[in-house]
Amino acid sequence: MPSEEVRRLFAAALERQGNGDAQAAIDLYVRIIELQPELADSYNNIAILLKGMRRLPAAVGCLKRAVQLAPNSGSLWSNLGNMLWMSLDFEPAMAAFRRALALEPKRPGRYSTRLGLQAKVLMPPDLARGALAGTATRNRFGVSAARCCTRAFILAFSA
């Protein structure tokens, strides 16, 4: 159970994160880890911030630590799969998605897991790499090509 100080720091970190001050939030999460190293949520939140800073390898490292601390969390496994997928590390991503799905097979909204499993079946890694290479491309509405593809997969395979 988190101490009062850890809860206070976590609330402050979430506030900084919400205000867009990523480095200040990371600093607070690091302090939380110093006080309570077994708190997986701190690693998860740092990973989210690092992803926003385009530091995917560091984000993957944080999520790997998070799943070590909370191996029964489907959400953490799904987040790890997403980060690995964005890093074009497809096989470990698929293993993480499978683990998330095994832990939470009926959880609604697990689109990223379903998308990942279906993309593996439908799209060979070479084609997936090519598709992901164009993710920076945005249409005239500011929507990335990756988001459009994700929506198409969700609509096609949600049943």
Protein backbone atom coordinates (compact mmCIF):
# COMPACT_ATOMS: atom_id res chain seq x y z
CA MET A 1 0.00 0.00 0.00
CA PRO A 2 1.42 3.39 -0.98
CA SER A 3 2.44 5.72 1.80
CA GLU A 4 0.85 9.14 2.18
CA GLU A 5 3.93 10.77 0.67
CA VAL A 6 3.83 8.45 -2.36
CA ARG A 7 0.14 9.20 -2.91
CA ARG A 8 0.84 12.93 -2.69
CA LEU A 9 3.75 12.67 -5.13
CA PHE A 10 1.70 10.52 -7.50
CA ALA A 11 -1.10 13.10 -7.54
CA ALA A 12 1.44 15.86 -8.22
CA ALA A 13 3.02 13.81 -11.01
CA LEU A 14 -0.36 13.20 -12.63
CA GLU A 15 -1.10 16.92 -12.42
CA ARG A 16 2.22 17.80 -14.09
CA GLN A 17 1.59 15.11 -16.69
CA GLY A 18 -1.86 16.54 -17.39
CA ASN A 19 -0.39 20.02 -17.74
CA GLY A 20 2.13 18.83 -20.31
CA ASP A 21 5.21 19.20 -18.10
CA ALA A 22 6.66 15.80 -18.98
CA GLN A 23 10.10 16.21 -17.42
CA ALA A 24 8.71 17.43 -14.08
CA ALA A 25 6.29 14.49 -14.05
CA ILE A 26 9.11 12.04 -14.84
CA ASP A 27 11.20 13.51 -12.01
CA LEU A 28 8.31 12.95 -9.59
CA TYR A 29 7.75 9.38 -10.81
CA VAL A 30 11.47 8.68 -10.33
CA ARG A 31 11.20 9.96 -6.76
CA ILE A 32 8.19 7.67 -6.23
CA ILE A 33 10.24 4.73 -7.52
CA GLU A 34 13.00 5.60 -5.06
CA LEU A 35 10.44 5.51 -2.24
CA GLN A 36 8.38 2.55 -3.48
CA PRO A 37 10.17 0.64 -6.25
CA GLU A 38 7.46 -2.01 -6.57
CA LEU A 39 4.80 0.43 -7.83
CA ALA A 40 4.33 -0.59 -11.49
CA ASP A 41 2.11 2.39 -12.32
CA SER A 42 5.08 4.74 -11.96
CA TYR A 43 7.00 2.84 -14.64
CA ASN A 44 3.92 2.74 -16.88
CA ASN A 45 3.38 6.49 -16.61
CA ILE A 46 7.05 7.23 -17.26
CA ALA A 47 6.79 5.04 -20.38
CA ILE A 48 3.81 7.03 -21.63
CA LEU A 49 5.73 10.27 -21.14
CA LEU A 50 8.85 8.88 -22.82
CA LYS A 51 6.77 7.78 -25.80
CA GLY A 52 5.54 11.36 -26.14
CA MET A 53 9.18 12.47 -26.12
CA ARG A 54 9.90 9.94 -28.93
CA ARG A 55 12.15 7.88 -26.68
CA LEU A 56 10.66 4.48 -27.49
CA PRO A 57 13.58 2.29 -26.34
CA ALA A 58 13.48 3.88 -22.89
CA ALA A 59 9.68 3.57 -22.84
CA VAL A 60 9.93 -0.14 -23.68
CA GLY A 61 12.45 -0.58 -20.86
CA CYS A 62 10.08 1.05 -18.37
CA LEU A 63 7.18 -1.13 -19.48
CA LYS A 64 9.29 -4.28 -19.25
CA ARG A 65 10.00 -3.36 -15.64
CA ALA A 66 6.31 -2.64 -15.05
CA VAL A 67 5.25 -6.10 -16.28
CA GLN A 68 7.92 -7.68 -14.10
CA LEU A 69 6.35 -5.96 -11.11
CA ALA A 70 2.73 -6.63 -12.13
CA PRO A 71 2.79 -9.70 -14.40
CA ASN A 72 -0.98 -10.21 -14.14
CA SER A 73 -1.91 -6.79 -15.53
CA GLY A 74 -3.38 -7.12 -19.01
CA SER A 75 -3.22 -3.35 -19.47
CA LEU A 76 0.51 -3.26 -18.86
CA TRP A 77 1.11 -6.15 -21.27
CA SER A 78 -1.03 -4.40 -23.88
CA ASN A 79 0.91 -1.15 -23.38
CA LEU A 80 4.17 -3.06 -23.75
CA GLY A 81 2.87 -4.65 -26.95
CA ASN A 82 1.93 -1.26 -28.34
CA MET A 83 5.36 0.22 -27.55
CA LEU A 84 7.15 -2.77 -29.05
CA TRP A 85 4.93 -2.58 -32.15
CA MET A 86 5.75 1.12 -32.56
CA SER A 87 9.42 0.16 -32.24
CA LEU A 88 8.92 -2.29 -35.14
CA ASP A 89 9.78 -5.18 -32.80
CA PHE A 90 6.88 -7.32 -34.00
CA GLU A 91 7.50 -10.77 -32.53
CA PRO A 92 7.89 -9.57 -28.90
CA ALA A 93 4.94 -7.23 -29.47
CA MET A 94 2.77 -10.15 -30.52
CA ALA A 95 3.88 -12.14 -27.46
CA ALA A 96 2.88 -9.20 -25.24
CA PHE A 97 -0.49 -8.87 -26.99
CA ARG A 98 -1.13 -12.59 -26.57
CA ARG A 99 -0.28 -12.33 -22.87
CA ALA A 100 -2.66 -9.37 -22.46
CA LEU A 101 -5.43 -11.26 -24.22
CA ALA A 102 -4.82 -14.38 -22.10
CA LEU A 103 -5.06 -12.30 -18.92
CA GLU A 104 -8.16 -10.34 -19.96
CA PRO A 105 -9.95 -12.24 -22.74
CA LYS A 106 -13.31 -10.53 -22.31
CA ARG A 107 -12.26 -7.00 -21.46
CA PRO A 108 -14.07 -4.63 -23.83
CA GLY A 109 -12.09 -2.05 -25.69
CA ARG A 110 -8.95 -4.15 -25.99
CA TYR A 111 -8.73 -2.98 -29.58
CA SER A 112 -4.99 -2.69 -29.64
CA THR A 113 -4.65 -6.34 -28.63
CA ARG A 114 -7.17 -7.45 -31.23
CA LEU A 115 -5.61 -5.19 -33.84
CA GLY A 116 -2.18 -6.58 -33.10
CA LEU A 117 -3.27 -10.20 -33.32
CA GLN A 118 -5.16 -9.60 -36.55
CA ALA A 119 -2.37 -7.55 -38.09
CA LYS A 120 -0.01 -10.44 -37.41
CA VAL A 121 -2.31 -12.80 -39.27
CA LEU A 122 -3.21 -10.42 -42.08
CA MET A 123 -0.01 -8.52 -42.66
CA PRO A 124 3.46 -10.04 -42.98
CA PRO A 125 6.14 -8.09 -41.04
CA ASP A 126 7.65 -6.60 -44.22
CA LEU A 127 4.31 -5.06 -45.19
CA ALA A 128 3.68 -3.93 -41.62
CA ARG A 129 7.04 -2.16 -41.55
CA GLY A 130 6.13 -0.40 -44.79
CA ALA A 131 2.75 0.62 -43.43
CA LEU A 132 4.25 1.89 -40.18
CA ALA A 133 6.93 3.83 -42.04
CA GLY A 134 4.15 6.10 -43.29
CA THR A 135 2.65 6.78 -39.87
CA ALA A 136 4.00 10.32 -39.80
CA THR A 137 1.88 11.16 -42.84
CA ARG A 138 -1.24 13.09 -41.93
CA ASN A 139 -4.28 13.81 -44.03
CA ARG A 140 -5.78 17.27 -44.46
CA PHE A 141 -7.68 16.84 -41.19
CA GLY A 142 -4.49 16.12 -39.23
CA VAL A 143 -5.28 12.41 -38.77
CA SER A 144 -2.31 10.09 -39.14
CA ALA A 145 -2.34 7.23 -41.61
CA ALA A 146 -1.79 4.83 -38.72
CA ARG A 147 -4.92 6.03 -36.95
CA CYS A 148 -6.96 5.59 -40.13
CA CYS A 149 -5.63 2.04 -40.52
CA THR A 150 -6.37 1.30 -36.87
CA ARG A 151 -9.95 2.52 -37.25
CA ALA A 152 -10.39 0.43 -40.39
CA PHE A 153 -9.14 -2.70 -38.61
CA ILE A 154 -11.38 -2.04 -35.62
CA LEU A 155 -14.44 -1.55 -37.78
CA ALA A 156 -13.65 -4.58 -39.92
CA PHE A 157 -12.97 -6.98 -37.08
CA SER A 158 -15.10 -5.89 -34.15
CA ALA A 159 -17.82 -8.44 -33.89
